[in-house]
Amino acid sequence: MSFNNLDTLYRQVIMDHYKNPRNKGAIESDSITVDMNNPTCGDRIHLTLQVEDGKVADAKFDGEGCSISMASASMMTQAVKGLEVEKALELSQIFYDMMLGKEYDDETMDLGDIEALQGVAKFPARIKCATLAWKAMEKGVKSEE
C-alpha cells in the first residue's frame, strides 16, 4: 500500500473514532475518576476506570476536544480494557515512544487502531492532544497502587 493510501486510511480510522467514539460515557459503579485538560488547545477529558484484581475491567471517557484527542481517548479505552494494569502502562509507554517518533515495540502488543495516530509525531503541537487520555489512564491506575 502506498504512503498516501496508508495516510488516508489512518485519517479515516481517526475520524471514525472521533465521530463514533467507543466507550463514551461514565462508569456509574465504584470507579476511579480522573479529570484532565490541555489548556493549550482546550481539550478536556473525564475518564472513569474500573480496576479489579489488577486488571482494567472497564474504561469510559467523556469530554470535548479536537479529533485527535477524542479519537485517542476512544482508542485508549478500547485497548486497555481487560489488560493487567502493568500491561496497560507498558502499552502507554509504547504509545509515548510512537508519539515521539522513537522506535517502538509493536511485536509484544497489538496496537490495532492506535497505530493510526503515528502520524501525529510529525506535528509536535498535537502530541499533547494525543497523549491526554493516556496520561489520565496512567494517573488513574497509579492511584490504585
N, C-alpha and C. Protein backbone atom coordinates (compact mmCIF):
# COMPACT_ATOMS: atom_id res chain seq x y z
N MET A 1 0.86 -1.19 0.00
CA MET A 1 0.00 0.00 0.00
C MET A 1 0.89 1.23 0.00
N SER A 2 0.61 2.16 -0.83
CA SER A 2 1.44 3.36 -0.91
C SER A 2 1.23 4.24 0.33
N PHE A 3 2.19 5.13 0.55
CA PHE A 3 2.12 6.01 1.72
C PHE A 3 0.85 6.85 1.72
N ASN A 4 0.46 7.39 0.57
CA ASN A 4 -0.74 8.21 0.51
C ASN A 4 -1.98 7.42 0.88
N ASN A 5 -2.08 6.18 0.39
CA ASN A 5 -3.23 5.34 0.74
C ASN A 5 -3.23 5.02 2.23
N LEU A 6 -2.06 4.75 2.79
CA LEU A 6 -1.96 4.45 4.21
C LEU A 6 -2.33 5.67 5.04
N ASP A 7 -1.85 6.84 4.63
CA ASP A 7 -2.17 8.09 5.31
C ASP A 7 -3.68 8.34 5.30
N THR A 8 -4.31 8.09 4.15
CA THR A 8 -5.76 8.26 4.02
C THR A 8 -6.49 7.28 4.92
N LEU A 9 -6.03 6.04 4.95
CA LEU A 9 -6.64 5.02 5.81
C LEU A 9 -6.54 5.43 7.28
N TYR A 10 -5.36 5.90 7.69
CA TYR A 10 -5.17 6.33 9.07
C TYR A 10 -6.10 7.49 9.42
N ARG A 11 -6.23 8.44 8.50
CA ARG A 11 -7.16 9.56 8.74
C ARG A 11 -8.58 9.07 8.91
N GLN A 12 -8.97 8.09 8.10
CA GLN A 12 -10.33 7.55 8.19
C GLN A 12 -10.55 6.87 9.54
N VAL A 13 -9.55 6.14 10.02
CA VAL A 13 -9.66 5.47 11.32
C VAL A 13 -9.81 6.51 12.43
N ILE A 14 -9.01 7.56 12.39
CA ILE A 14 -9.08 8.62 13.40
C ILE A 14 -10.46 9.28 13.37
N MET A 15 -10.94 9.62 12.19
CA MET A 15 -12.25 10.28 12.08
C MET A 15 -13.38 9.35 12.51
N ASP A 16 -13.25 8.05 12.26
CA ASP A 16 -14.27 7.10 12.71
C ASP A 16 -14.35 7.09 14.24
N HIS A 17 -13.20 7.06 14.90
CA HIS A 17 -13.20 7.08 16.37
C HIS A 17 -13.71 8.41 16.92
N TYR A 18 -13.44 9.49 16.19
CA TYR A 18 -13.91 10.81 16.62
C TYR A 18 -15.43 10.93 16.48
N LYS A 19 -15.94 10.49 15.34
CA LYS A 19 -17.38 10.62 15.08
C LYS A 19 -18.21 9.53 15.76
N ASN A 20 -17.61 8.37 15.99
CA ASN A 20 -18.30 7.24 16.62
C ASN A 20 -17.44 6.72 17.77
N PRO A 21 -17.28 7.53 18.82
CA PRO A 21 -16.38 7.14 19.90
C PRO A 21 -16.83 5.86 20.61
N ARG A 22 -15.86 5.04 20.90
CA ARG A 22 -16.12 3.82 21.66
C ARG A 22 -15.96 4.17 23.14
N ASN A 23 -16.76 3.54 23.96
CA ASN A 23 -16.68 3.69 25.42
C ASN A 23 -16.91 5.11 25.91
N LYS A 24 -17.77 5.84 25.23
CA LYS A 24 -18.12 7.20 25.65
C LYS A 24 -19.13 7.10 26.79
N GLY A 25 -18.94 7.89 27.81
CA GLY A 25 -19.84 7.88 28.95
C GLY A 25 -19.05 7.78 30.24
N ALA A 26 -19.70 7.29 31.27
CA ALA A 26 -19.05 7.16 32.58
C ALA A 26 -19.46 5.84 33.21
N ILE A 27 -18.59 5.30 34.01
CA ILE A 27 -18.90 4.10 34.78
C ILE A 27 -19.62 4.56 36.03
N GLU A 28 -20.82 4.07 36.23
CA GLU A 28 -21.64 4.54 37.35
C GLU A 28 -21.23 3.92 38.69
N SER A 29 -20.81 2.66 38.67
CA SER A 29 -20.46 2.00 39.93
C SER A 29 -19.13 2.53 40.46
N ASP A 30 -18.67 1.96 41.54
CA ASP A 30 -17.43 2.36 42.18
C ASP A 30 -16.30 2.37 41.14
N SER A 31 -15.75 3.54 40.89
CA SER A 31 -14.71 3.64 39.85
C SER A 31 -13.71 4.73 40.20
N ILE A 32 -12.60 4.68 39.49
CA ILE A 32 -11.56 5.70 39.59
C ILE A 32 -11.94 6.80 38.61
N THR A 33 -11.87 8.04 39.04
CA THR A 33 -12.22 9.16 38.19
C THR A 33 -11.03 10.08 38.05
N VAL A 34 -10.73 10.44 36.81
CA VAL A 34 -9.63 11.35 36.54
C VAL A 34 -10.12 12.43 35.57
N ASP A 35 -9.91 13.68 35.94
CA ASP A 35 -10.23 14.80 35.06
C ASP A 35 -8.92 15.48 34.69
N MET A 36 -8.71 15.65 33.39
CA MET A 36 -7.50 16.33 32.93
C MET A 36 -7.87 17.24 31.77
N ASN A 37 -7.03 18.25 31.56
CA ASN A 37 -7.26 19.11 30.40
C ASN A 37 -5.94 19.55 29.80
N ASN A 38 -6.03 20.01 28.59
CA ASN A 38 -4.89 20.56 27.87
C ASN A 38 -5.21 22.02 27.62
N PRO A 39 -4.75 22.91 28.49
CA PRO A 39 -5.12 24.32 28.35
C PRO A 39 -4.63 24.96 27.05
N THR A 40 -3.63 24.37 26.42
CA THR A 40 -3.09 24.90 25.17
C THR A 40 -4.15 24.96 24.08
N CYS A 41 -4.96 23.89 23.99
CA CYS A 41 -5.94 23.87 22.90
C CYS A 41 -7.37 23.61 23.39
N GLY A 42 -7.57 23.47 24.70
CA GLY A 42 -8.92 23.33 25.22
C GLY A 42 -9.45 21.92 25.33
N ASP A 43 -8.63 20.91 25.02
CA ASP A 43 -9.08 19.53 25.19
C ASP A 43 -9.29 19.25 26.67
N ARG A 44 -10.35 18.52 26.97
CA ARG A 44 -10.55 18.08 28.35
C ARG A 44 -11.15 16.68 28.34
N ILE A 45 -10.79 15.90 29.34
CA ILE A 45 -11.28 14.53 29.42
C ILE A 45 -11.70 14.22 30.85
N HIS A 46 -12.78 13.47 30.93
CA HIS A 46 -13.27 12.91 32.20
C HIS A 46 -13.21 11.40 31.99
N LEU A 47 -12.25 10.75 32.65
CA LEU A 47 -12.04 9.32 32.47
C LEU A 47 -12.49 8.57 33.71
N THR A 48 -13.24 7.50 33.51
CA THR A 48 -13.57 6.63 34.63
C THR A 48 -13.03 5.24 34.32
N LEU A 49 -12.41 4.65 35.33
CA LEU A 49 -11.80 3.33 35.19
C LEU A 49 -12.30 2.42 36.30
N GLN A 50 -12.45 1.18 35.97
CA GLN A 50 -12.78 0.18 36.97
C GLN A 50 -11.63 -0.82 36.96
N VAL A 51 -10.90 -0.88 38.05
CA VAL A 51 -9.77 -1.80 38.17
C VAL A 51 -10.15 -2.87 39.19
N GLU A 52 -10.07 -4.11 38.73
CA GLU A 52 -10.41 -5.25 39.60
C GLU A 52 -9.34 -6.32 39.46
N ASP A 53 -8.84 -6.79 40.59
CA ASP A 53 -7.84 -7.85 40.60
C ASP A 53 -6.65 -7.55 39.70
N GLY A 54 -6.20 -6.29 39.71
CA GLY A 54 -5.03 -5.91 38.95
C GLY A 54 -5.25 -5.75 37.46
N LYS A 55 -6.52 -5.75 37.04
CA LYS A 55 -6.84 -5.58 35.62
C LYS A 55 -7.77 -4.40 35.42
N VAL A 56 -7.68 -3.78 34.25
CA VAL A 56 -8.61 -2.73 33.88
C VAL A 56 -9.87 -3.43 33.38
N ALA A 57 -10.87 -3.50 34.24
CA ALA A 57 -12.10 -4.20 33.89
C ALA A 57 -12.96 -3.38 32.93
N ASP A 58 -12.94 -2.06 33.10
CA ASP A 58 -13.74 -1.19 32.23
C ASP A 58 -13.08 0.19 32.18
N ALA A 59 -13.33 0.88 31.08
CA ALA A 59 -12.80 2.24 30.90
C ALA A 59 -13.77 3.01 30.02
N LYS A 60 -14.15 4.19 30.48
CA LYS A 60 -15.05 5.06 29.71
C LYS A 60 -14.54 6.49 29.83
N PHE A 61 -14.91 7.29 28.84
CA PHE A 61 -14.48 8.69 28.87
C PHE A 61 -15.59 9.60 28.39
N ASP A 62 -15.47 10.82 28.79
CA ASP A 62 -16.32 11.88 28.28
C ASP A 62 -15.41 13.10 28.16
N GLY A 63 -15.84 14.07 27.43
CA GLY A 63 -15.02 15.26 27.30
C GLY A 63 -15.27 15.94 25.98
N GLU A 64 -14.41 16.88 25.71
CA GLU A 64 -14.50 17.59 24.44
C GLU A 64 -13.11 18.00 24.02
N GLY A 65 -12.94 18.09 22.72
CA GLY A 65 -11.63 18.48 22.21
C GLY A 65 -11.53 18.19 20.73
N CYS A 66 -10.33 18.28 20.24
CA CYS A 66 -10.09 18.07 18.82
C CYS A 66 -10.24 16.60 18.46
N SER A 67 -10.27 16.34 17.17
CA SER A 67 -10.47 14.97 16.69
C SER A 67 -9.37 14.05 17.20
N ILE A 68 -8.14 14.53 17.29
CA ILE A 68 -7.04 13.67 17.73
C ILE A 68 -7.20 13.28 19.19
N SER A 69 -7.52 14.23 20.06
CA SER A 69 -7.64 13.89 21.49
C SER A 69 -8.82 12.96 21.75
N MET A 70 -9.94 13.20 21.10
CA MET A 70 -11.11 12.36 21.33
C MET A 70 -10.96 10.98 20.69
N ALA A 71 -10.35 10.92 19.51
CA ALA A 71 -10.10 9.62 18.87
C ALA A 71 -9.10 8.82 19.70
N SER A 72 -8.08 9.48 20.21
CA SER A 72 -7.08 8.80 21.04
C SER A 72 -7.72 8.25 22.31
N ALA A 73 -8.63 9.00 22.92
CA ALA A 73 -9.32 8.53 24.13
C ALA A 73 -10.16 7.29 23.80
N SER A 74 -10.84 7.32 22.68
CA SER A 74 -11.65 6.18 22.25
C SER A 74 -10.77 4.95 22.05
N MET A 75 -9.65 5.13 21.35
CA MET A 75 -8.73 4.02 21.09
C MET A 75 -8.11 3.49 22.37
N MET A 76 -7.73 4.42 23.27
CA MET A 76 -7.10 4.01 24.52
C MET A 76 -8.05 3.17 25.36
N THR A 77 -9.31 3.61 25.50
CA THR A 77 -10.25 2.86 26.33
C THR A 77 -10.48 1.46 25.75
N GLN A 78 -10.52 1.35 24.44
CA GLN A 78 -10.66 0.04 23.81
C GLN A 78 -9.45 -0.83 24.11
N ALA A 79 -8.28 -0.24 23.99
CA ALA A 79 -7.03 -1.00 24.10
C ALA A 79 -6.75 -1.51 25.51
N VAL A 80 -7.09 -0.73 26.53
CA VAL A 80 -6.70 -1.12 27.89
C VAL A 80 -7.72 -2.02 28.59
N LYS A 81 -8.93 -2.06 28.08
CA LYS A 81 -9.95 -2.92 28.71
C LYS A 81 -9.48 -4.36 28.70
N GLY A 82 -9.49 -4.96 29.88
CA GLY A 82 -9.10 -6.36 30.01
C GLY A 82 -7.62 -6.57 30.24
N LEU A 83 -6.83 -5.51 30.11
CA LEU A 83 -5.38 -5.66 30.33
C LEU A 83 -5.05 -5.58 31.81
N GLU A 84 -3.99 -6.30 32.20
CA GLU A 84 -3.45 -6.11 33.53
C GLU A 84 -2.92 -4.68 33.58
N VAL A 85 -2.98 -4.06 34.76
CA VAL A 85 -2.53 -2.69 34.91
C VAL A 85 -1.11 -2.53 34.38
N GLU A 86 -0.25 -3.47 34.71
CA GLU A 86 1.15 -3.42 34.26
C GLU A 86 1.22 -3.38 32.72
N LYS A 87 0.40 -4.17 32.04
CA LYS A 87 0.38 -4.20 30.58
C LYS A 87 -0.19 -2.90 30.01
N ALA A 88 -1.19 -2.33 30.68
CA ALA A 88 -1.76 -1.06 30.24
C ALA A 88 -0.70 0.04 30.31
N LEU A 89 0.10 0.03 31.36
CA LEU A 89 1.17 1.02 31.50
C LEU A 89 2.27 0.78 30.46
N GLU A 90 2.54 -0.48 30.16
CA GLU A 90 3.52 -0.82 29.12
C GLU A 90 3.03 -0.33 27.75
N LEU A 91 1.75 -0.53 27.48
CA LEU A 91 1.16 -0.05 26.22
C LEU A 91 1.25 1.47 26.14
N SER A 92 1.04 2.13 27.25
CA SER A 92 1.13 3.58 27.30
C SER A 92 2.54 4.03 26.94
N GLN A 93 3.55 3.34 27.43
CA GLN A 93 4.94 3.69 27.11
C GLN A 93 5.23 3.48 25.63
N ILE A 94 4.70 2.41 25.06
CA ILE A 94 4.86 2.17 23.62
C ILE A 94 4.21 3.31 22.85
N PHE A 95 3.03 3.75 23.30
CA PHE A 95 2.34 4.84 22.65
C PHE A 95 3.17 6.13 22.69
N TYR A 96 3.75 6.43 23.87
CA TYR A 96 4.57 7.64 24.00
C TYR A 96 5.77 7.58 23.06
N ASP A 97 6.41 6.41 22.99
CA ASP A 97 7.54 6.25 22.09
C ASP A 97 7.12 6.53 20.65
N MET A 98 5.96 6.01 20.27
CA MET A 98 5.45 6.24 18.93
C MET A 98 5.20 7.73 18.70
N MET A 99 4.63 8.41 19.70
CA MET A 99 4.33 9.84 19.58
C MET A 99 5.60 10.68 19.44
N LEU A 100 6.68 10.22 20.05
CA LEU A 100 7.93 10.97 20.00
C LEU A 100 8.78 10.58 18.79
N GLY A 101 8.24 9.72 17.93
CA GLY A 101 8.96 9.31 16.74
C GLY A 101 10.10 8.35 17.03
N LYS A 102 10.09 7.77 18.23
CA LYS A 102 11.13 6.80 18.60
C LYS A 102 10.74 5.43 18.07
N GLU A 103 11.72 4.56 18.06
CA GLU A 103 11.43 3.15 17.74
C GLU A 103 10.51 2.64 18.85
N TYR A 104 9.52 1.86 18.46
CA TYR A 104 8.63 1.30 19.48
C TYR A 104 8.39 -0.16 19.18
N ASP A 105 8.11 -0.90 20.23
CA ASP A 105 7.94 -2.34 20.14
C ASP A 105 6.48 -2.67 19.88
N ASP A 106 6.15 -2.96 18.63
CA ASP A 106 4.78 -3.34 18.33
C ASP A 106 4.67 -4.86 18.16
N GLU A 107 5.73 -5.56 18.57
CA GLU A 107 5.73 -7.03 18.48
C GLU A 107 5.06 -7.65 19.70
N THR A 108 5.26 -7.04 20.88
CA THR A 108 4.75 -7.64 22.12
C THR A 108 3.26 -7.36 22.32
N MET A 109 2.75 -6.31 21.69
CA MET A 109 1.34 -5.95 21.84
C MET A 109 0.79 -5.50 20.50
N ASP A 110 -0.43 -5.89 20.24
CA ASP A 110 -1.11 -5.45 19.02
C ASP A 110 -1.65 -4.05 19.27
N LEU A 111 -1.18 -3.09 18.49
CA LEU A 111 -1.61 -1.71 18.68
C LEU A 111 -2.96 -1.43 18.03
N GLY A 112 -3.35 -2.25 17.08
CA GLY A 112 -4.65 -2.07 16.43
C GLY A 112 -4.80 -0.66 15.87
N ASP A 113 -5.95 -0.05 16.11
CA ASP A 113 -6.26 1.28 15.59
C ASP A 113 -5.30 2.36 16.09
N ILE A 114 -4.68 2.12 17.24
CA ILE A 114 -3.78 3.12 17.83
C ILE A 114 -2.68 3.53 16.85
N GLU A 115 -2.26 2.59 16.03
CA GLU A 115 -1.19 2.87 15.08
C GLU A 115 -1.57 3.98 14.10
N ALA A 116 -2.86 4.22 13.93
CA ALA A 116 -3.32 5.29 13.05
C ALA A 116 -2.85 6.66 13.54
N LEU A 117 -2.50 6.75 14.81
CA LEU A 117 -2.07 8.04 15.38
C LEU A 117 -0.57 8.30 15.20
N GLN A 118 0.15 7.38 14.58
CA GLN A 118 1.60 7.56 14.48
C GLN A 118 2.00 8.82 13.72
N GLY A 119 1.17 9.29 12.82
CA GLY A 119 1.47 10.50 12.06
C GLY A 119 1.48 11.76 12.91
N VAL A 120 0.88 11.69 14.09
CA VAL A 120 0.85 12.85 14.99
C VAL A 120 2.27 13.25 15.38
N ALA A 121 3.18 12.29 15.38
CA ALA A 121 4.57 12.57 15.75
C ALA A 121 5.18 13.66 14.87
N LYS A 122 4.66 13.84 13.67
CA LYS A 122 5.17 14.87 12.75
C LYS A 122 4.70 16.27 13.14
N PHE A 123 3.76 16.35 14.07
CA PHE A 123 3.18 17.64 14.48
C PHE A 123 3.32 17.80 16.00
N PRO A 124 4.49 18.26 16.45
CA PRO A 124 4.75 18.34 17.90
C PRO A 124 3.66 19.03 18.71
N ALA A 125 3.02 20.03 18.15
CA ALA A 125 1.97 20.74 18.90
C ALA A 125 0.77 19.85 19.17
N ARG A 126 0.60 18.78 18.41
CA ARG A 126 -0.57 17.91 18.58
C ARG A 126 -0.30 16.70 19.48
N ILE A 127 0.95 16.49 19.85
CA ILE A 127 1.28 15.33 20.68
C ILE A 127 0.54 15.38 22.02
N LYS A 128 0.42 16.57 22.61
CA LYS A 128 -0.31 16.70 23.88
C LYS A 128 -1.77 16.30 23.71
N CYS A 129 -2.34 16.58 22.54
CA CYS A 129 -3.72 16.19 22.26
C CYS A 129 -3.85 14.67 22.30
N ALA A 130 -2.91 14.01 21.64
CA ALA A 130 -2.97 12.55 21.52
C ALA A 130 -2.68 11.85 22.84
N THR A 131 -1.86 12.45 23.69
CA THR A 131 -1.45 11.77 24.93
C THR A 131 -2.32 12.09 26.14
N LEU A 132 -3.25 13.02 26.03
CA LEU A 132 -4.05 13.45 27.18
C LEU A 132 -4.77 12.27 27.85
N ALA A 133 -5.48 11.47 27.09
CA ALA A 133 -6.23 10.35 27.65
C ALA A 133 -5.30 9.31 28.27
N TRP A 134 -4.16 9.12 27.64
CA TRP A 134 -3.19 8.14 28.15
C TRP A 134 -2.62 8.60 29.49
N LYS A 135 -2.35 9.89 29.62
CA LYS A 135 -1.87 10.42 30.89
C LYS A 135 -2.93 10.27 31.98
N ALA A 136 -4.19 10.48 31.60
CA ALA A 136 -5.29 10.30 32.56
C ALA A 136 -5.38 8.85 33.01
N MET A 137 -5.23 7.92 32.07
CA MET A 137 -5.28 6.49 32.42
C MET A 137 -4.14 6.14 33.37
N GLU A 138 -2.95 6.60 33.07
CA GLU A 138 -1.81 6.34 33.94
C GLU A 138 -2.05 6.87 35.35
N LYS A 139 -2.50 8.11 35.41
CA LYS A 139 -2.79 8.72 36.71
C LYS A 139 -3.82 7.90 37.48
N GLY A 140 -4.84 7.44 36.79
CA GLY A 140 -5.90 6.66 37.42
C GLY A 140 -5.42 5.32 37.96
N VAL A 141 -4.71 4.55 37.13
CA VAL A 141 -4.29 3.23 37.58
C VAL A 141 -3.20 3.32 38.63
N LYS A 142 -2.37 4.36 38.57
CA LYS A 142 -1.33 4.54 39.58
C LYS A 142 -1.91 4.96 40.92
N SER A 143 -3.09 5.58 40.90
CA SER A 143 -3.73 5.98 42.16
C SER A 143 -4.23 4.76 42.92
N GLU A 144 -4.32 3.64 42.24
CA GLU A 144 -4.78 2.39 42.87
C GLU A 144 -3.66 1.64 43.54
N GLU A 145 -2.41 2.01 43.23
CA GLU A 145 -1.26 1.25 43.77
C GLU A 145 -1.05 1.53 45.22
